């Protein structure tokens, strides 16, 4: 995709570039209850501390998992962290009295998500689960300048005009008849005439070589005209044609049409990833191994499922559990006359996936503006803003995805097939019974297919043991399953009744 098109797309969202970068905010509520004492101020302060602690416990559970605060080590750390939760974090509070004559205070705290995670890291209770799942980020950066319509490099102007005369076919026949009659009466003076009459595709050219021939030509023409006027059916009609062509070509300052060799946004993103305790894989090593001839990640490529599918598959082979594709477009603007600084506008687009099942974790875009003493400084400043947004979005999405799976379990597709096409009803029933007895299976098993070729179900599993091994153990003693093989591809498990599963 040409950068001129990108610049045009950025212009459409130019109104958003004036918005300031906003950090992710977590609004967490907590309620404190204390008996009403004689000292109202002490009662209120005690209820406020209890409400703050309850909100902090809820925040830790939100980031680390639903049961994280039950750990005695975490409880002790929360008491220490409570001193860092000031009243400036209170976004809302409501006081009341319950039926037991207790003072009830409910507060809502607005935490900066990144600062809260840093507090947990400093206290030694931050979750390290995210580091167990590597993340691959492939991001290109385009740096260009806006087209200046007032400063063309050169202009090319072309003008062409073609004029021609022609006779119709009827005109040609009339002219030939008249010319033949006039020439028969002037046979005696032929040696004094030097004229050439040529007719080609309706084009007539008469060349006079002497004054006598010119006079003769004029006399012949008058004779022909008199004969033609006598017969209106053979009238001569001449037509004149004129063709005019005009073209103007203006060349403006050329723009960068490919990803820039220096990627400030990606470098800043690596720094942001460390703050979210993310395990980012080497982008350059991945590209050199899998994507040597791959196209740059333009905005158009981000919308094409086929191209992205190749990236996700390659990331999976690279042992990445999560994959993010994105690009950053930075356009150098004019100098601000009030400050004398160079202005820049930036646009970043991203999509994040779970490589094991292709689940989309995030799809977002952001525009930012910055200024600097030079074009390079301005570019770095806007890159840092874009990277903060990407890091926050990526970190929050991955932590939220992992937290959801930890809370509700992970969805799996389980397939049982017969390599001989002889999957009996007894085989299917025995396999279904084994799945229903597994510890950690959540909700009801959903059957998607059941015939002699295969038996397929969807289930949600929340357990500490390996699911494939648990299924193999559950059917091991059943008839016909002694030689069963298995193969796992992400969250899809294939079990082959008679032997090891073949390679796809």
Protein backbone atom coordinates (compact mmCIF):
# COMPACT_ATOMS: atom_id res chain seq x y z
CA UNK A 1 0.00 0.00 0.00
CA UNK A 2 1.37 3.40 -0.95
CA UNK A 3 2.08 5.85 1.79
CA UNK A 4 0.07 8.51 -0.02
CA UNK A 5 -2.98 6.35 0.61
CA UNK A 6 -1.92 5.91 4.22
CA UNK A 7 -1.54 9.63 4.63
CA UNK A 8 -5.01 10.12 3.24
CA UNK A 9 -6.40 7.61 5.70
CA UNK A 10 -4.65 9.38 8.54
CA UNK A 11 -6.12 12.68 7.44
CA UNK A 12 -9.59 11.25 7.90
CA UNK A 13 -8.89 10.63 11.56
CA UNK A 14 -6.91 13.80 12.09
CA UNK A 15 -9.44 15.08 14.60
CA UNK A 16 -8.38 12.33 16.98
CA UNK A 17 -4.72 13.33 16.97
CA UNK A 18 -5.25 16.07 19.49
CA UNK A 19 -6.48 13.65 22.15
CA UNK A 20 -3.98 13.01 24.96
CA UNK A 21 -2.71 9.52 25.68
CA UNK A 22 -4.73 7.92 28.44
CA UNK A 23 -3.37 5.22 30.73
CA UNK A 24 -5.53 2.23 31.47
CA UNK A 25 -7.57 2.84 34.59
CA UNK A 26 -9.01 0.12 36.81
CA UNK A 27 -12.07 1.16 38.80
CA UNK A 28 -12.28 -1.14 41.81
CA UNK A 29 -14.86 -0.87 44.59
CA UNK A 30 -14.63 -1.98 48.19
CA UNK A 31 -16.88 -1.75 51.24
CA UNK A 32 -15.86 -1.19 54.86
CA UNK A 33 -18.09 -1.86 57.92
CA UNK A 34 -17.22 -0.80 61.45
CA UNK A 35 -19.30 -0.36 64.64
CA UNK A 36 -20.34 3.21 65.26
CA UNK A 37 -18.28 4.61 68.11
CA UNK A 38 -18.42 7.77 70.11
CA UNK A 39 -15.74 9.41 67.98
CA UNK A 40 -17.33 9.93 64.57
CA UNK A 41 -14.03 10.85 62.91
CA UNK A 42 -12.35 7.65 64.11
CA UNK A 43 -15.35 5.60 62.97
CA UNK A 44 -15.23 7.10 59.52
CA UNK A 45 -11.46 6.68 59.21
CA UNK A 46 -11.65 3.03 60.24
CA UNK A 47 -14.41 2.39 57.69
CA UNK A 48 -12.37 4.14 55.01
CA UNK A 49 -9.31 1.97 55.68
CA UNK A 50 -11.45 -1.17 55.62
CA UNK A 51 -13.03 -0.11 52.31
CA UNK A 52 -9.63 0.66 50.76
CA UNK A 53 -8.31 -2.71 51.82
CA UNK A 54 -11.32 -4.48 50.37
CA UNK A 55 -10.82 -2.62 47.08
CA UNK A 56 -7.11 -3.50 47.06
CA UNK A 57 -7.92 -7.18 47.62
CA UNK A 58 -10.36 -7.05 44.71
CA UNK A 59 -7.70 -5.42 42.52
CA UNK A 60 -5.13 -8.13 43.36
CA UNK A 61 -7.65 -10.84 42.56
CA UNK A 62 -8.48 -9.12 39.29
CA UNK A 63 -4.85 -9.06 38.21
CA UNK A 64 -3.56 -12.31 39.71
CA UNK A 65 -6.60 -14.55 39.70
CA UNK A 66 -9.83 -14.99 41.67
CA UNK A 67 -8.20 -16.73 44.63
CA UNK A 68 -4.87 -14.91 44.75
CA UNK A 69 -5.66 -12.91 47.90
CA UNK A 70 -6.24 -16.09 49.90
CA UNK A 71 -2.50 -16.66 50.06
CA UNK A 72 -1.17 -15.55 53.50
CA UNK A 73 1.85 -14.02 51.77
CA UNK A 74 -0.44 -11.90 49.61
CA UNK A 75 -2.51 -10.86 52.64
CA UNK A 76 0.62 -9.62 54.37
CA UNK A 77 1.74 -7.73 51.28
CA UNK A 78 -1.69 -6.08 50.93
CA UNK A 79 -1.40 -4.64 54.44
CA UNK A 80 1.91 -3.05 53.43
CA UNK A 81 0.59 -1.79 50.08
CA UNK A 82 -2.40 -0.19 51.81
CA UNK A 83 -0.18 2.66 52.98
CA UNK A 84 0.41 3.64 49.32
CA UNK A 85 -3.31 3.94 48.56
CA UNK A 86 -3.99 7.62 49.18
CA UNK A 87 -7.26 9.48 49.23
CA UNK A 88 -6.43 10.95 45.82
CA UNK A 89 -7.36 7.56 44.29
CA UNK A 90 -10.92 7.79 45.57
CA UNK A 91 -13.25 8.39 42.65
CA UNK A 92 -16.51 7.89 44.52
CA UNK A 93 -17.73 7.10 48.06
CA UNK A 94 -21.10 6.49 49.67
CA UNK A 95 -21.84 6.24 53.41
CA UNK A 96 -24.79 4.60 55.17
CA UNK A 97 -25.80 2.77 58.34
CA UNK A 98 -27.00 -0.83 58.38
CA UNK A 99 -29.50 -2.56 60.67
CA UNK A 100 -26.73 -3.62 63.08
CA UNK A 101 -25.79 0.00 63.78
CA UNK A 102 -22.64 -0.28 61.72
CA UNK A 103 -21.19 2.52 59.68
CA UNK A 104 -20.94 1.34 56.06
CA UNK A 105 -18.67 3.13 53.61
CA UNK A 106 -18.36 2.08 49.98
CA UNK A 107 -15.52 3.60 47.94
CA UNK A 108 -14.45 3.25 44.33
CA UNK A 109 -10.73 3.59 43.71
CA UNK A 110 -9.30 4.54 40.29
CA UNK A 111 -6.00 2.66 39.91
CA UNK A 112 -3.51 3.26 37.14
CA UNK A 113 -3.17 -0.32 35.86
CA UNK A 114 0.56 -0.08 35.19
CA UNK A 115 1.34 1.51 38.55
CA UNK A 116 -0.75 -1.11 40.32
CA UNK A 117 1.17 -3.92 38.61
CA UNK A 118 4.41 -2.26 39.60
CA UNK A 119 3.20 -2.14 43.21
CA UNK A 120 2.55 -5.87 43.09
CA UNK A 121 6.00 -6.50 41.62
CA UNK A 122 7.65 -4.40 44.31
CA UNK A 123 5.71 -6.32 46.97
CA UNK A 124 6.79 -9.64 45.45
CA UNK A 125 3.26 -10.89 44.76
CA UNK A 126 2.89 -10.12 41.05
CA UNK A 127 1.76 -13.02 38.92
CA UNK A 128 4.55 -14.56 36.84
CA UNK A 129 2.19 -16.65 34.73
CA UNK A 130 2.41 -14.28 31.76
CA UNK A 131 6.15 -14.88 31.50
CA UNK A 132 5.47 -18.57 30.92
CA UNK A 133 3.69 -17.74 27.65
CA UNK A 134 6.02 -16.13 25.06
CA UNK A 135 4.67 -13.32 22.91
CA UNK A 136 5.80 -12.50 19.40
CA UNK A 137 5.30 -8.96 18.11
CA UNK A 138 5.78 -8.16 14.41
CA UNK A 139 5.48 -4.44 13.79
CA UNK A 140 6.64 -2.21 10.93
CA UNK A 141 7.07 1.53 11.16
CA UNK A 142 6.50 3.91 8.24
CA UNK A 143 7.98 7.40 8.47
CA UNK A 144 6.97 9.88 5.82
CA UNK A 145 6.13 13.49 5.15
CA UNK A 146 2.83 15.02 4.18
CA UNK A 147 2.44 15.98 0.53
CA UNK A 148 3.03 19.71 0.02
CA UNK A 149 0.74 20.74 -2.83
CA UNK A 150 2.33 24.20 -2.98
CA UNK A 151 5.87 22.99 -3.74
CA UNK A 152 5.98 20.79 -6.84
CA UNK A 153 9.34 19.42 -7.94
CA UNK A 154 8.52 19.89 -11.63
CA UNK A 155 5.63 20.33 -14.05
CA UNK A 156 5.27 18.75 -17.49
CA UNK A 157 2.80 20.26 -19.96
CA UNK A 158 1.98 18.65 -23.34
CA UNK A 159 -0.21 20.04 -26.15
CA UNK A 160 -0.97 18.44 -29.54
CA UNK A 161 -3.33 19.56 -32.34
CA UNK A 162 -4.06 17.53 -35.53
CA UNK A 163 -6.18 18.98 -38.40
CA UNK A 164 -7.27 17.03 -41.51
CA UNK A 165 -9.76 17.45 -44.42
CA UNK A 166 -11.68 14.57 -45.97
CA UNK A 167 -14.35 13.80 -48.56
CA UNK A 168 -17.09 11.29 -48.30
CA UNK A 169 -17.31 8.34 -50.74
CA UNK A 170 -20.15 10.08 -52.67
CA UNK A 171 -18.03 13.22 -52.89
CA UNK A 172 -15.13 11.23 -54.33
CA UNK A 173 -17.31 9.68 -57.07
CA UNK A 174 -18.67 13.12 -58.06
CA UNK A 175 -15.19 14.58 -58.11
CA UNK A 176 -13.78 11.78 -60.28
CA UNK A 177 -16.67 12.15 -62.82
CA UNK A 178 -16.19 15.88 -63.08
CA UNK A 179 -12.45 15.59 -63.42
CA UNK A 180 -12.72 12.99 -66.23
CA UNK A 181 -15.02 15.25 -68.31
CA UNK A 182 -12.86 18.31 -67.92
CA UNK A 183 -9.66 16.45 -68.78
CA UNK A 184 -11.08 15.17 -72.14
CA UNK A 185 -11.64 18.74 -73.37
CA UNK A 186 -8.10 19.80 -72.48
CA UNK A 187 -6.13 16.97 -74.17
CA UNK A 188 -4.23 19.35 -76.53
CA UNK A 189 -2.61 21.26 -73.71
CA UNK A 190 -1.50 18.20 -71.73
CA UNK A 191 2.23 18.80 -72.49
CA UNK A 192 2.03 22.21 -70.72
CA UNK A 193 0.30 20.84 -67.63
CA UNK A 194 2.44 19.67 -64.67
CA UNK A 195 -0.09 18.62 -62.08
CA UNK A 196 -0.50 15.45 -59.99
CA UNK A 197 -3.83 14.44 -58.69
CA UNK A 198 -3.82 11.65 -56.07
CA UNK A 199 -6.73 10.14 -54.21
CA UNK A 200 -5.96 7.80 -51.25
CA UNK A 201 -8.57 6.79 -48.61
CA UNK A 202 -10.61 9.85 -49.37
CA UNK A 203 -7.60 12.18 -49.17
CA UNK A 204 -7.12 14.41 -52.30
CA UNK A 205 -3.81 16.21 -52.95
CA UNK A 206 -3.26 18.53 -55.95
CA UNK A 207 0.27 19.81 -56.61
CA UNK A 208 0.86 22.53 -59.21
CA UNK A 209 4.33 22.73 -60.73
CA UNK A 210 3.91 25.80 -63.00
CA UNK A 211 1.76 28.83 -63.51
CA UNK A 212 0.11 27.19 -66.55
CA UNK A 213 -0.76 24.11 -64.61
CA UNK A 214 -2.15 26.30 -61.85
CA UNK A 215 -4.39 28.11 -64.34
CA UNK A 216 -5.46 24.81 -65.85
CA UNK A 217 -6.27 23.44 -62.42
CA UNK A 218 -8.42 26.47 -61.67
CA UNK A 219 -10.26 26.11 -64.99
CA UNK A 220 -10.81 22.41 -64.37
CA UNK A 221 -12.11 23.09 -60.90
CA UNK A 222 -14.62 25.65 -62.21
CA UNK A 223 -15.80 23.19 -64.86
CA UNK A 224 -16.19 20.46 -62.29
CA UNK A 225 -18.10 22.78 -59.99
CA UNK A 226 -20.53 23.71 -62.74
CA UNK A 227 -21.16 20.05 -63.54
CA UNK A 228 -21.60 19.13 -59.91
CA UNK A 229 -24.02 21.98 -59.22
CA UNK A 230 -26.14 20.82 -62.13
CA UNK A 231 -26.73 17.53 -60.38
CA UNK A 232 -27.71 17.96 -56.72
CA UNK A 233 -27.64 14.18 -56.20
CA UNK A 234 -23.87 14.23 -56.78
CA UNK A 235 -23.12 17.28 -54.65
CA UNK A 236 -19.67 17.51 -53.10
CA UNK A 237 -19.45 17.83 -49.30
CA UNK A 238 -16.07 18.37 -47.64
CA UNK A 239 -15.44 17.93 -43.89
CA UNK A 240 -12.70 19.32 -41.68
CA UNK A 241 -11.51 17.44 -38.54
CA UNK A 242 -9.41 18.82 -35.68
CA UNK A 243 -8.01 16.67 -32.79
CA UNK A 244 -6.66 18.43 -29.69
CA UNK A 245 -4.89 16.65 -26.79
CA UNK A 246 -3.76 18.32 -23.54
CA UNK A 247 -1.95 16.80 -20.57
CA UNK A 248 -0.41 18.29 -17.44
CA UNK A 249 1.76 16.25 -15.07
CA UNK A 250 2.85 17.61 -11.68
CA UNK A 251 5.40 15.80 -9.49
CA UNK A 252 5.52 16.56 -5.77
CA UNK A 253 8.02 15.66 -3.07
CA UNK A 254 8.29 11.82 -3.10
CA UNK A 255 7.23 9.94 0.03
CA UNK A 256 8.62 6.83 1.68
CA UNK A 257 6.84 3.78 0.27
CA UNK A 258 8.21 1.03 2.52
CA UNK A 259 8.86 0.30 6.21
CA UNK A 260 11.66 2.36 7.68
CA UNK A 261 14.89 0.64 8.66
CA UNK A 262 14.76 2.24 12.13
CA UNK A 263 11.71 1.22 14.16
CA UNK A 264 11.41 3.48 17.19
CA UNK A 265 7.90 2.25 18.03
CA UNK A 266 9.01 -1.37 18.36
CA UNK A 267 12.02 -0.39 20.49
CA UNK A 268 9.77 1.57 22.83
CA UNK A 269 7.33 -1.35 22.91
CA UNK A 270 10.06 -3.65 24.25
CA UNK A 271 10.48 -1.28 27.17
CA UNK A 272 6.73 -1.20 27.81
CA UNK A 273 6.57 -5.00 27.66
CA UNK A 274 9.04 -5.29 30.50
CA UNK A 275 6.83 -3.08 32.66
CA UNK A 276 3.92 -5.47 32.08
CA UNK A 277 6.25 -8.43 32.74
CA UNK A 278 5.66 -9.84 29.27
CA UNK A 279 7.94 -12.39 27.64
CA UNK A 280 8.63 -10.89 24.19
CA UNK A 281 10.43 -13.01 21.60
CA UNK A 282 13.08 -11.73 19.19
CA UNK A 283 11.35 -10.13 16.21
CA UNK A 284 14.44 -10.09 13.96
CA UNK A 285 15.21 -13.78 14.52
CA UNK A 286 11.62 -14.70 13.70
CA UNK A 287 11.60 -12.66 10.48
CA UNK A 288 14.90 -14.09 9.26
CA UNK A 289 13.71 -17.64 9.84
CA UNK A 290 10.10 -17.59 8.69
CA UNK A 291 9.26 -14.36 6.89
CA UNK A 292 12.18 -13.60 4.59
CA UNK A 293 9.97 -12.70 1.63
CA UNK A 294 6.87 -11.62 3.54
CA UNK A 295 5.14 -8.38 2.67
CA UNK A 296 5.26 -5.44 5.10
CA UNK A 297 2.38 -5.26 7.55
CA UNK A 298 0.42 -2.44 5.95
CA UNK A 299 -3.09 -1.47 6.99
CA UNK A 300 -4.46 -3.48 4.08
CA UNK A 301 -2.49 -6.59 5.09
CA UNK A 302 -3.95 -6.39 8.59
CA UNK A 303 -7.41 -6.83 7.11
CA UNK A 304 -6.52 -9.92 5.07
CA UNK A 305 -7.15 -13.15 6.93
CA UNK A 306 -4.99 -15.22 4.58
CA UNK A 307 -1.86 -13.15 5.11
CA UNK A 308 -2.39 -12.96 8.85
CA UNK A 309 -3.01 -16.70 8.95
CA UNK A 310 0.51 -17.25 7.64
CA UNK A 311 1.92 -15.04 10.36
CA UNK A 312 -0.04 -16.77 13.12
CA UNK A 313 1.01 -20.22 11.90
CA UNK A 314 4.64 -19.15 11.69
CA UNK A 315 4.47 -17.65 15.18
CA UNK A 316 3.09 -20.92 16.47
CA UNK A 317 6.00 -22.82 14.96
CA UNK A 318 8.27 -20.28 16.65
CA UNK A 319 6.85 -21.47 20.01
CA UNK A 320 4.92 -18.25 20.64
CA UNK A 321 1.70 -18.59 22.63
CA UNK A 322 0.55 -15.11 21.66
CA UNK A 323 1.09 -13.11 18.50
CA UNK A 324 0.57 -9.45 17.75
CA UNK A 325 0.73 -7.90 14.28
CA UNK A 326 0.73 -4.17 13.82
CA UNK A 327 2.19 -1.14 12.14
CA UNK A 328 2.91 2.46 13.00
CA UNK A 329 2.64 5.35 10.55
CA UNK A 330 4.34 8.60 11.51
CA UNK A 331 3.87 11.68 9.35
CA UNK A 332 6.12 14.68 9.78
CA UNK A 333 4.08 17.84 9.82
CA UNK A 334 4.90 21.54 9.55
CA UNK A 335 6.76 23.68 12.06
CA UNK A 336 4.49 25.18 14.71
CA UNK A 337 4.96 28.94 14.31
CA UNK A 338 4.14 29.60 17.96
CA UNK A 339 6.83 27.25 19.35
CA UNK A 340 9.21 26.75 16.46
CA UNK A 341 9.04 22.98 16.93
CA UNK A 342 8.44 20.31 14.32
CA UNK A 343 5.08 18.57 14.66
CA UNK A 344 4.34 14.90 14.02
CA UNK A 345 1.19 12.80 13.82
CA UNK A 346 1.19 9.03 14.40
CA UNK A 347 -1.24 6.21 13.82
CA UNK A 348 -0.82 2.68 15.16
CA UNK A 349 -3.00 -0.34 14.35
CA UNK A 350 -2.75 -3.76 15.96
CA UNK A 351 -4.29 -7.21 16.21
CA UNK A 352 -3.36 -9.75 18.88
CA UNK A 353 -4.07 -13.50 18.77
CA UNK A 354 -3.73 -16.66 20.75
CA UNK A 355 -1.74 -18.93 18.46
CA UNK A 356 -3.12 -22.19 19.84
CA UNK A 357 -6.66 -21.52 18.62
CA UNK A 358 -6.51 -18.26 16.66
CA UNK A 359 -8.66 -16.46 19.24
CA UNK A 360 -8.54 -12.68 18.75
CA UNK A 361 -7.41 -11.00 21.95
CA UNK A 362 -7.45 -7.40 20.75
CA UNK A 363 -7.99 -5.32 17.62
CA UNK A 364 -7.46 -1.63 18.11
CA UNK A 365 -6.03 1.59 16.69
CA UNK A 366 -4.74 4.82 18.15
CA UNK A 367 -3.67 8.24 16.93
CA UNK A 368 -1.23 10.52 18.75
CA UNK A 369 0.52 13.85 18.20
CA UNK A 370 3.88 15.14 19.38
CA UNK A 371 6.45 17.86 18.75
CA UNK A 372 10.21 18.15 18.91
CA UNK A 373 13.17 20.36 18.14
CA UNK A 374 13.91 18.23 15.06
CA UNK A 375 12.09 15.76 12.86
CA UNK A 376 13.87 12.82 14.51
CA UNK A 377 13.07 14.03 18.02
CA UNK A 378 9.45 14.56 17.07
CA UNK A 379 9.32 11.05 15.61
CA UNK A 380 10.73 9.50 18.77
CA UNK A 381 8.28 11.40 20.96
CA UNK A 382 5.23 10.24 19.04
CA UNK A 383 6.66 6.68 18.88
CA UNK A 384 6.85 6.58 22.66
CA UNK A 385 3.19 7.58 22.91
CA UNK A 386 2.14 4.93 20.42
CA UNK A 387 4.20 2.27 22.19
CA UNK A 388 2.60 3.07 25.54
CA UNK A 389 -0.80 2.45 24.02
CA UNK A 390 0.31 -0.79 22.34
CA UNK A 391 2.03 -2.07 25.49
CA UNK A 392 -0.98 -1.28 27.65
CA UNK A 393 -3.41 -2.88 25.18
CA UNK A 394 -1.28 -5.96 24.63
CA UNK A 395 -0.46 -6.45 28.29
CA UNK A 396 -4.03 -5.96 29.46
CA UNK A 397 -5.42 -8.25 26.75
CA UNK A 398 -3.03 -11.10 27.51
CA UNK A 399 -3.46 -10.81 31.26
CA UNK A 400 -7.23 -10.67 30.83
CA UNK A 401 -7.25 -13.67 28.48
CA UNK A 402 -5.15 -15.74 30.87
CA UNK A 403 -7.24 -14.63 33.87
CA UNK A 404 -10.47 -15.62 32.11
CA UNK A 405 -9.11 -19.07 31.34
CA UNK A 406 -7.89 -19.49 34.88
CA UNK A 407 -11.32 -18.56 36.19
CA UNK A 408 -13.58 -20.41 33.78
CA UNK A 409 -11.30 -22.96 32.16
CA UNK A 410 -10.11 -23.53 28.61
CA UNK A 411 -12.19 -24.72 25.70
CA UNK A 412 -11.01 -27.82 23.83
CA UNK A 413 -12.12 -29.66 20.72
CA UNK A 414 -11.86 -33.45 21.22
CA UNK A 415 -12.02 -35.81 18.22
CA UNK A 416 -12.10 -39.61 18.20
CA UNK A 417 -11.63 -41.24 14.79
CA UNK A 418 -11.25 -44.72 13.39
CA UNK A 419 -8.52 -45.04 10.80
CA UNK A 420 -10.51 -47.90 9.32
CA UNK A 421 -13.79 -45.99 9.32
CA UNK A 422 -15.28 -48.47 11.78
CA UNK A 423 -16.17 -46.39 14.83
CA UNK A 424 -18.98 -48.31 16.52
CA UNK A 425 -21.66 -46.96 18.82
CA UNK A 426 -20.04 -48.80 21.73
CA UNK A 427 -16.77 -46.97 21.02
CA UNK A 428 -18.52 -43.62 20.98
CA UNK A 429 -20.51 -44.34 24.16
CA UNK A 430 -17.46 -45.55 26.06
CA UNK A 431 -15.49 -42.48 25.02
CA UNK A 432 -18.33 -40.15 26.02
CA UNK A 433 -18.67 -41.83 29.42
CA UNK A 434 -14.95 -41.41 30.02
CA UNK A 435 -15.09 -37.70 29.24
CA UNK A 436 -18.00 -37.12 31.60
CA UNK A 437 -16.13 -38.70 34.52
CA UNK A 438 -13.09 -36.43 34.18
CA UNK A 439 -12.36 -34.11 37.08
CA UNK A 440 -12.21 -30.50 35.98
CA UNK A 441 -14.65 -30.65 33.07
CA UNK A 442 -16.92 -27.61 33.30
CA UNK A 443 -20.51 -27.36 32.11
CA UNK A 444 -22.05 -29.84 29.70
CA UNK A 445 -20.14 -31.56 26.91
CA UNK A 446 -21.33 -30.38 23.51
CA UNK A 447 -21.45 -33.09 20.81
CA UNK A 448 -20.71 -31.75 17.33
CA UNK A 449 -20.45 -34.99 15.35
CA UNK A 450 -21.18 -38.67 15.92
CA UNK A 451 -20.95 -41.27 13.13
CA UNK A 452 -18.77 -44.18 12.02
CA UNK A 453 -16.09 -41.81 10.76
CA UNK A 454 -15.69 -39.78 13.91
CA UNK A 455 -16.95 -38.53 17.25
CA UNK A 456 -16.30 -34.85 18.07
CA UNK A 457 -17.17 -32.84 21.18
CA UNK A 458 -16.45 -29.42 22.68
CA UNK A 459 -15.72 -29.13 26.38
CA UNK A 460 -14.31 -26.65 28.88
CA UNK A 461 -11.61 -28.00 31.14
CA UNK A 462 -10.29 -26.41 34.30
CA UNK A 463 -7.78 -28.64 35.99
CA UNK A 464 -4.14 -28.94 36.91
CA UNK A 465 -3.54 -32.28 35.17
CA UNK A 466 -2.83 -32.63 31.45
CA UNK A 467 -6.17 -33.19 29.73
CA UNK A 468 -4.86 -35.49 26.97
CA UNK A 469 -3.21 -37.74 29.50
CA UNK A 470 -6.34 -37.81 31.66
CA UNK A 471 -8.48 -38.86 28.68
CA UNK A 472 -6.02 -41.60 27.74
CA UNK A 473 -6.06 -42.91 31.31
CA UNK A 474 -9.89 -42.86 31.46
CA UNK A 475 -10.34 -45.12 28.39
CA UNK A 476 -7.24 -47.27 28.74
CA UNK A 477 -9.10 -50.27 30.21
CA UNK A 478 -12.06 -50.12 27.85
CA UNK A 479 -12.35 -52.62 25.03
CA UNK A 480 -10.96 -51.45 21.72
CA UNK A 481 -8.93 -48.54 23.16
CA UNK A 482 -5.73 -50.35 24.14
CA UNK A 483 -3.84 -49.24 21.01
CA UNK A 484 -5.29 -45.72 20.84
CA UNK A 485 -2.89 -42.98 19.77
CA UNK A 486 -3.22 -39.23 20.27
CA UNK A 487 -2.04 -35.98 18.74
CA UNK A 488 -2.51 -32.45 20.06
CA UNK A 489 -2.60 -29.25 18.01
CA UNK A 490 -3.25 -26.24 20.22
CA UNK A 491 -6.62 -26.75 21.86
CA UNK A 492 -7.60 -29.49 19.39
CA UNK A 493 -6.97 -33.10 20.44
CA UNK A 494 -7.16 -36.02 18.02
CA UNK A 495 -7.47 -39.61 19.26
CA UNK A 496 -7.05 -42.46 16.78
CA UNK A 497 -8.69 -45.73 17.81
CA UNK A 498 -6.41 -48.35 16.23
CA UNK A 499 -2.90 -46.82 16.37
CA UNK A 500 -0.85 -43.64 16.39
CA UNK A 501 -2.42 -40.75 14.53
CA UNK A 502 -0.83 -40.01 11.13
CA UNK A 503 0.73 -36.70 10.35
CA UNK A 504 -1.61 -34.25 8.58
